[in-house]
Amino acid sequence: MNQDQLQGNWLQFKGKVKEQWGKLTDDDLDVCAGRRDQLLGLIQQRHGLQKDEAERQVMDWQKRNPSFFFEKS
């Protein structure tokens, strides 16, 4: 997937992430901009999770949503 496709899917991506982690805001997701490490930090902070639990949840989410990917940080 190239950058244009990623930008075109950004709203759909944000919606799917917010379905899973409802305490994340649009602003949170705009700040992390698809970067996995930043998303993990926000999930930990907003949902009060330990790092390993946030990591597990993101890995499970990625398995269920293979058409979405995270940028390497």
PDB file of N, CA and C in Angstrom:
ATOM      1  N   MET A   1       0.856  -1.168   0.000  1.00  0.00           N
ATOM      2  CA  MET A   1       0.000   0.000   0.000  1.00  0.00           C
ATOM      3  C   MET A   1       0.901   1.230   0.000  1.00  0.00           C
ATOM      4  N   ASN A   2       0.663   2.163  -0.894  1.00  0.00           N
ATOM      5  CA  ASN A   2       1.486   3.365  -0.934  1.00  0.00           C
ATOM      6  C   ASN A   2       0.877   4.473  -0.078  1.00  0.00           C
ATOM      7  N   GLN A   3       1.578   5.590   0.001  1.00  0.00           N
ATOM      8  CA  GLN A   3       1.157   6.695   0.877  1.00  0.00           C
ATOM      9  C   GLN A   3      -0.214   7.249   0.478  1.00  0.00           C
ATOM     10  N   ASP A   4      -0.501   7.332  -0.821  1.00  0.00           N
ATOM     11  CA  ASP A   4      -1.808   7.830  -1.261  1.00  0.00           C
ATOM     12  C   ASP A   4      -2.937   6.915  -0.802  1.00  0.00           C
ATOM     13  N   GLN A   5      -2.703   5.611  -0.890  1.00  0.00           N
ATOM     14  CA  GLN A   5      -3.711   4.664  -0.431  1.00  0.00           C
ATOM     15  C   GLN A   5      -3.898   4.760   1.080  1.00  0.00           C
ATOM     16  N   LEU A   6      -2.802   4.934   1.811  1.00  0.00           N
ATOM     17  CA  LEU A   6      -2.889   5.074   3.258  1.00  0.00           C
ATOM     18  C   LEU A   6      -3.701   6.307   3.624  1.00  0.00           C
ATOM     19  N   GLN A   7      -3.441   7.419   2.959  1.00  0.00           N
ATOM     20  CA  GLN A   7      -4.187   8.639   3.242  1.00  0.00           C
ATOM     21  C   GLN A   7      -5.654   8.469   2.884  1.00  0.00           C
ATOM     22  N   GLY A   8      -5.929   7.777   1.777  1.00  0.00           N
ATOM     23  CA  GLY A   8      -7.307   7.542   1.368  1.00  0.00           C
ATOM     24  C   GLY A   8      -8.067   6.677   2.347  1.00  0.00           C
ATOM     25  N   ASN A   9      -7.370   5.788   3.041  1.00  0.00           N
ATOM     26  CA  ASN A   9      -7.998   4.896   4.013  1.00  0.00           C
ATOM     27  C   ASN A   9      -7.922   5.422   5.448  1.00  0.00           C
ATOM     28  N   TRP A  10      -7.347   6.600   5.626  1.00  0.00           N
ATOM     29  CA  TRP A  10      -7.100   7.108   6.967  1.00  0.00           C
ATOM     30  C   TRP A  10      -8.379   7.230   7.792  1.00  0.00           C
ATOM     31  N   LEU A  11      -9.441   7.762   7.207  1.00  0.00           N
ATOM     32  CA  LEU A  11     -10.682   7.916   7.971  1.00  0.00           C
ATOM     33  C   LEU A  11     -11.254   6.562   8.365  1.00  0.00           C
ATOM     34  N   GLN A  12     -11.186   5.603   7.460  1.00  0.00           N
ATOM     35  CA  GLN A  12     -11.659   4.261   7.779  1.00  0.00           C
ATOM     36  C   GLN A  12     -10.786   3.646   8.868  1.00  0.00           C
ATOM     37  N   PHE A  13      -9.491   3.825   8.758  1.00  0.00           N
ATOM     38  CA  PHE A  13      -8.549   3.328   9.763  1.00  0.00           C
ATOM     39  C   PHE A  13      -8.883   3.911  11.136  1.00  0.00           C
ATOM     40  N   LYS A  14      -9.054   5.236  11.191  1.00  0.00           N
ATOM     41  CA  LYS A  14      -9.361   5.887  12.466  1.00  0.00           C
ATOM     42  C   LYS A  14     -10.660   5.349  13.051  1.00  0.00           C
ATOM     43  N   GLY A  15     -11.652   5.150  12.217  1.00  0.00           N
ATOM     44  CA  GLY A  15     -12.925   4.634  12.698  1.00  0.00           C
ATOM     45  C   GLY A  15     -12.789   3.247  13.305  1.00  0.00           C
ATOM     46  N   LYS A  16     -12.027   2.384  12.647  1.00  0.00           N
ATOM     47  CA  LYS A  16     -11.820   1.022  13.158  1.00  0.00           C
ATOM     48  C   LYS A  16     -11.057   1.037  14.482  1.00  0.00           C
ATOM     49  N   VAL A  17     -10.042   1.894  14.574  1.00  0.00           N
ATOM     50  CA  VAL A  17      -9.265   1.992  15.815  1.00  0.00           C
ATOM     51  C   VAL A  17     -10.154   2.512  16.939  1.00  0.00           C
ATOM     52  N   LYS A  18     -10.978   3.514  16.644  1.00  0.00           N
ATOM     53  CA  LYS A  18     -11.861   4.068  17.673  1.00  0.00           C
ATOM     54  C   LYS A  18     -12.941   3.077  18.096  1.00  0.00           C
ATOM     55  N   GLU A  19     -13.355   2.189  17.192  1.00  0.00           N
ATOM     56  CA  GLU A  19     -14.299   1.135  17.580  1.00  0.00           C
ATOM     57  C   GLU A  19     -13.683   0.239  18.644  1.00  0.00           C
ATOM     58  N   GLN A  20     -12.417  -0.077  18.484  1.00  0.00           N
ATOM     59  CA  GLN A  20     -11.719  -0.968  19.417  1.00  0.00           C
ATOM     60  C   GLN A  20     -11.345  -0.254  20.712  1.00  0.00           C
ATOM     61  N   TRP A  21     -10.823   0.964  20.599  1.00  0.00           N
ATOM     62  CA  TRP A  21     -10.336   1.712  21.752  1.00  0.00           C
ATOM     63  C   TRP A  21     -11.067   3.049  21.803  1.00  0.00           C
ATOM     64  N   GLY A  22     -12.280   3.019  22.326  1.00  0.00           N
ATOM     65  CA  GLY A  22     -13.193   4.150  22.289  1.00  0.00           C
ATOM     66  C   GLY A  22     -12.742   5.391  23.036  1.00  0.00           C
ATOM     67  N   LYS A  23     -11.772   5.260  23.913  1.00  0.00           N
ATOM     68  CA  LYS A  23     -11.313   6.437  24.653  1.00  0.00           C
ATOM     69  C   LYS A  23     -10.322   7.271  23.852  1.00  0.00           C
ATOM     70  N   LEU A  24      -9.887   6.770  22.699  1.00  0.00           N
ATOM     71  CA  LEU A  24      -8.986   7.547  21.852  1.00  0.00           C
ATOM     72  C   LEU A  24      -9.797   8.561  21.056  1.00  0.00           C
ATOM     73  N   THR A  25      -9.273   9.746  20.937  1.00  0.00           N
ATOM     74  CA  THR A  25      -9.952  10.812  20.204  1.00  0.00           C
ATOM     75  C   THR A  25      -9.374  10.941  18.804  1.00  0.00           C
ATOM     76  N   ASP A  26     -10.078  11.691  17.960  1.00  0.00           N
ATOM     77  CA  ASP A  26      -9.545  11.995  16.629  1.00  0.00           C
ATOM     78  C   ASP A  26      -8.200  12.691  16.752  1.00  0.00           C
ATOM     79  N   ASP A  27      -8.087  13.594  17.712  1.00  0.00           N
ATOM     80  CA  ASP A  27      -6.814  14.294  17.919  1.00  0.00           C
ATOM     81  C   ASP A  27      -5.699  13.321  18.289  1.00  0.00           C
ATOM     82  N   ASP A  28      -6.004  12.350  19.160  1.00  0.00           N
ATOM     83  CA  ASP A  28      -5.010  11.337  19.517  1.00  0.00           C
ATOM     84  C   ASP A  28      -4.519  10.610  18.266  1.00  0.00           C
ATOM     85  N   LEU A  29      -5.465  10.199  17.439  1.00  0.00           N
ATOM     86  CA  LEU A  29      -5.110   9.430  16.250  1.00  0.00           C
ATOM     87  C   LEU A  29      -4.393  10.273  15.216  1.00  0.00           C
ATOM     88  N   ASP A  30      -4.722  11.561  15.157  1.00  0.00           N
ATOM     89  CA  ASP A  30      -3.990  12.443  14.246  1.00  0.00           C
ATOM     90  C   ASP A  30      -2.549  12.616  14.709  1.00  0.00           C
ATOM     91  N   VAL A  31      -2.342  12.671  16.024  1.00  0.00           N
ATOM     92  CA  VAL A  31      -0.992  12.810  16.565  1.00  0.00           C
ATOM     93  C   VAL A  31      -0.168  11.563  16.276  1.00  0.00           C
ATOM     94  N   CYS A  32      -0.744  10.385  16.478  1.00  0.00           N
ATOM     95  CA  CYS A  32       0.036   9.165  16.244  1.00  0.00           C
ATOM     96  C   CYS A  32       0.173   8.872  14.757  1.00  0.00           C
ATOM     97  N   ALA A  33      -0.763   9.338  13.944  1.00  0.00           N
ATOM     98  CA  ALA A  33      -0.701   9.251  12.474  1.00  0.00           C
ATOM     99  C   ALA A  33      -0.291   7.866  11.980  1.00  0.00           C
ATOM    100  N   GLY A  34      -0.840   6.823  12.590  1.00  0.00           N
ATOM    101  CA  GLY A  34      -0.582   5.473  12.124  1.00  0.00           C
ATOM    102  C   GLY A  34       0.708   4.855  12.620  1.00  0.00           C
ATOM    103  N   ARG A  35       1.439   5.559  13.477  1.00  0.00           N
ATOM    104  CA  ARG A  35       2.687   5.002  14.020  1.00  0.00           C
ATOM    105  C   ARG A  35       2.353   4.105  15.214  1.00  0.00           C
ATOM    106  N   ARG A  36       2.743   2.877  15.097  1.00  0.00           N
ATOM    107  CA  ARG A  36       2.371   1.842  16.055  1.00  0.00           C
ATOM    108  C   ARG A  36       2.835   2.154  17.469  1.00  0.00           C
ATOM    109  N   ASP A  37       4.069   2.582  17.645  1.00  0.00           N
ATOM    110  CA  ASP A  37       4.582   2.826  18.998  1.00  0.00           C
ATOM    111  C   ASP A  37       3.827   3.947  19.687  1.00  0.00           C
ATOM    112  N   GLN A  38       3.462   4.969  18.934  1.00  0.00           N
ATOM    113  CA  GLN A  38       2.698   6.063  19.538  1.00  0.00           C
ATOM    114  C   GLN A  38       1.279   5.628  19.863  1.00  0.00           C
ATOM    115  N   LEU A  39       0.683   4.811  18.983  1.00  0.00           N
ATOM    116  CA  LEU A  39      -0.647   4.290  19.269  1.00  0.00           C
ATOM    117  C   LEU A  39      -0.624   3.442  20.539  1.00  0.00           C
ATOM    118  N   LEU A  40       0.385   2.599  20.682  1.00  0.00           N
ATOM    119  CA  LEU A  40       0.507   1.776  21.899  1.00  0.00           C
ATOM    120  C   LEU A  40       0.560   2.647  23.146  1.00  0.00           C
ATOM    121  N   GLY A  41       1.342   3.709  23.090  1.00  0.00           N
ATOM    122  CA  GLY A  41       1.442   4.613  24.236  1.00  0.00           C
ATOM    123  C   GLY A  41       0.114   5.264  24.570  1.00  0.00           C
ATOM    124  N   LEU A  42      -0.622   5.679  23.540  1.00  0.00           N
ATOM    125  CA  LEU A  42      -1.925   6.302  23.776  1.00  0.00           C
ATOM    126  C   LEU A  42      -2.926   5.305  24.335  1.00  0.00           C
ATOM    127  N   ILE A  43      -2.893   4.083  23.830  1.00  0.00           N
ATOM    128  CA  ILE A  43      -3.799   3.054  24.349  1.00  0.00           C
ATOM    129  C   ILE A  43      -3.486   2.785  25.818  1.00  0.00           C
ATOM    130  N   GLN A  44      -2.209   2.669  26.146  1.00  0.00           N
ATOM    131  CA  GLN A  44      -1.811   2.465  27.540  1.00  0.00           C
ATOM    132  C   GLN A  44      -2.325   3.603  28.414  1.00  0.00           C
ATOM    133  N   GLN A  45      -2.098   4.813  27.970  1.00  0.00           N
ATOM    134  CA  GLN A  45      -2.449   5.983  28.764  1.00  0.00           C
ATOM    135  C   GLN A  45      -3.960   6.127  28.924  1.00  0.00           C
ATOM    136  N   ARG A  46      -4.693   6.097  27.833  1.00  0.00           N
ATOM    137  CA  ARG A  46      -6.140   6.345  27.879  1.00  0.00           C
ATOM    138  C   ARG A  46      -6.930   5.205  28.513  1.00  0.00           C
ATOM    139  N   HIS A  47      -6.459   3.976  28.331  1.00  0.00           N
ATOM    140  CA  HIS A  47      -7.203   2.822  28.818  1.00  0.00           C
ATOM    141  C   HIS A  47      -6.596   2.212  30.070  1.00  0.00           C
ATOM    142  N   GLY A  48      -5.498   2.781  30.564  1.00  0.00           N
ATOM    143  CA  GLY A  48      -4.894   2.307  31.804  1.00  0.00           C
ATOM    144  C   GLY A  48      -4.355   0.890  31.711  1.00  0.00           C
ATOM    145  N   LEU A  49      -3.758   0.552  30.576  1.00  0.00           N
ATOM    146  CA  LEU A  49      -3.248  -0.799  30.367  1.00  0.00           C
ATOM    147  C   LEU A  49      -1.740  -0.846  30.539  1.00  0.00           C
ATOM    148  N   GLN A  50      -1.250  -2.023  30.878  1.00  0.00           N
ATOM    149  CA  GLN A  50       0.184  -2.269  30.893  1.00  0.00           C
ATOM    150  C   GLN A  50       0.656  -2.421  29.451  1.00  0.00           C
ATOM    151  N   LYS A  51       1.950  -2.231  29.242  1.00  0.00           N
ATOM    152  CA  LYS A  51       2.509  -2.286  27.894  1.00  0.00           C
ATOM    153  C   LYS A  51       2.228  -3.621  27.210  1.00  0.00           C
ATOM    154  N   ASP A  52       2.410  -4.734  27.919  1.00  0.00           N
ATOM    155  CA  ASP A  52       2.211  -6.041  27.297  1.00  0.00           C
ATOM    156  C   ASP A  52       0.759  -6.282  26.907  1.00  0.00           C
ATOM    157  N   GLU A  53      -0.186  -5.780  27.700  1.00  0.00           N
ATOM    158  CA  GLU A  53      -1.604  -5.923  27.366  1.00  0.00           C
ATOM    159  C   GLU A  53      -1.969  -5.058  26.165  1.00  0.00           C
ATOM    160  N   ALA A  54      -1.463  -3.839  26.113  1.00  0.00           N
ATOM    161  CA  ALA A  54      -1.713  -2.976  24.950  1.00  0.00           C
ATOM    162  C   ALA A  54      -1.141  -3.619  23.690  1.00  0.00           C
ATOM    163  N   GLU A  55       0.052  -4.166  23.796  1.00  0.00           N
ATOM    164  CA  GLU A  55       0.688  -4.843  22.664  1.00  0.00           C
ATOM    165  C   GLU A  55      -0.150  -6.029  22.194  1.00  0.00           C
ATOM    166  N   ARG A  56      -0.645  -6.815  23.119  1.00  0.00           N
ATOM    167  CA  ARG A  56      -1.486  -7.963  22.774  1.00  0.00           C
ATOM    168  C   ARG A  56      -2.748  -7.523  22.049  1.00  0.00           C
ATOM    169  N   GLN A  57      -3.379  -6.469  22.561  1.00  0.00           N
ATOM    170  CA  GLN A  57      -4.598  -5.980  21.940  1.00  0.00           C
ATOM    171  C   GLN A  57      -4.345  -5.465  20.517  1.00  0.00           C
ATOM    172  N   VAL A  58      -3.245  -4.755  20.332  1.00  0.00           N
ATOM    173  CA  VAL A  58      -2.932  -4.240  18.998  1.00  0.00           C
ATOM    174  C   VAL A  58      -2.621  -5.393  18.044  1.00  0.00           C
ATOM    175  N   MET A  59      -1.889  -6.387  18.508  1.00  0.00           N
ATOM    176  CA  MET A  59      -1.591  -7.546  17.657  1.00  0.00           C
ATOM    177  C   MET A  59      -2.876  -8.274  17.263  1.00  0.00           C
ATOM    178  N   ASP A  60      -3.792  -8.453  18.213  1.00  0.00           N
ATOM    179  CA  ASP A  60      -5.073  -9.096  17.918  1.00  0.00           C
ATOM    180  C   ASP A  60      -5.872  -8.267  16.920  1.00  0.00           C
ATOM    181  N   TRP A  61      -5.869  -6.947  17.097  1.00  0.00           N
ATOM    182  CA  TRP A  61      -6.591  -6.048  16.195  1.00  0.00           C
ATOM    183  C   TRP A  61      -6.022  -6.146  14.783  1.00  0.00           C
ATOM    184  N   GLN A  62      -4.697  -6.177  14.672  1.00  0.00           N
ATOM    185  CA  GLN A  62      -4.061  -6.272  13.360  1.00  0.00           C
ATOM    186  C   GLN A  62      -4.429  -7.584  12.666  1.00  0.00           C
ATOM    187  N   LYS A  63      -4.537  -8.668  13.418  1.00  0.00           N
ATOM    188  CA  LYS A  63      -4.929  -9.949  12.825  1.00  0.00           C
ATOM    189  C   LYS A  63      -6.348  -9.889  12.277  1.00  0.00           C
ATOM    190  N   ARG A  64      -7.227  -9.165  12.968  1.00  0.00           N
ATOM    191  CA  ARG A  64      -8.611  -9.041  12.521  1.00  0.00           C
ATOM    192  C   ARG A  64      -8.780  -8.006  11.416  1.00  0.00           C
ATOM    193  N   ASN A  65      -7.810  -7.126  11.248  1.00  0.00           N
ATOM    194  CA  ASN A  65      -7.882  -6.043  10.270  1.00  0.00           C
ATOM    195  C   ASN A  65      -6.620  -6.010   9.410  1.00  0.00           C
ATOM    196  N   PRO A  66      -6.397  -7.056   8.629  1.00  0.00           N
ATOM    197  CA  PRO A  66      -5.134  -7.158   7.893  1.00  0.00           C
ATOM    198  C   PRO A  66      -4.955  -6.107   6.794  1.00  0.00           C
ATOM    199  N   SER A  67      -6.038  -5.451   6.386  1.00  0.00           N
ATOM    200  CA  SER A  67      -5.903  -4.458   5.326  1.00  0.00           C
ATOM    201  C   SER A  67      -5.327  -3.145   5.848  1.00  0.00           C
ATOM    202  N   PHE A  68      -5.228  -3.005   7.161  1.00  0.00           N
ATOM    203  CA  PHE A  68      -4.638  -1.812   7.759  1.00  0.00           C
ATOM    204  C   PHE A  68      -3.271  -2.160   8.307  1.00  0.00           C
ATOM    205  N   PHE A  69      -2.377  -1.239   8.203  1.00  0.00           N
ATOM    206  CA  PHE A  69      -1.031  -1.460   8.729  1.00  0.00           C
ATOM    207  C   PHE A  69      -0.550  -0.193   9.404  1.00  0.00           C
ATOM    208  N   PHE A  70       0.484  -0.332  10.192  1.00  0.00           N
ATOM    209  CA  PHE A  70       1.077   0.794  10.898  1.00  0.00           C
ATOM    210  C   PHE A  70       2.407   1.147  10.265  1.00  0.00           C
ATOM    211  N   GLU A  71       2.709   2.436  10.291  1.00  0.00           N
ATOM    212  CA  GLU A  71       4.008   2.884   9.810  1.00  0.00           C
ATOM    213  C   GLU A  71       5.082   2.461  10.800  1.00  0.00           C
ATOM    214  N   LYS A  72       6.243   2.183  10.307  1.00  0.00           N
ATOM    215  CA  LYS A  72       7.375   1.907  11.188  1.00  0.00           C
ATOM    216  C   LYS A  72       7.865   3.231  11.762  1.00  0.00           C
ATOM    217  N   SER A  73       8.119   3.252  13.045  1.00  0.00           N
ATOM    218  CA  SER A  73       8.539   4.490  13.705  1.00  0.00           C
ATOM    219  C   SER A  73      10.036   4.633  13.668  1.00  0.00           C
TER     220      SER A  73
END
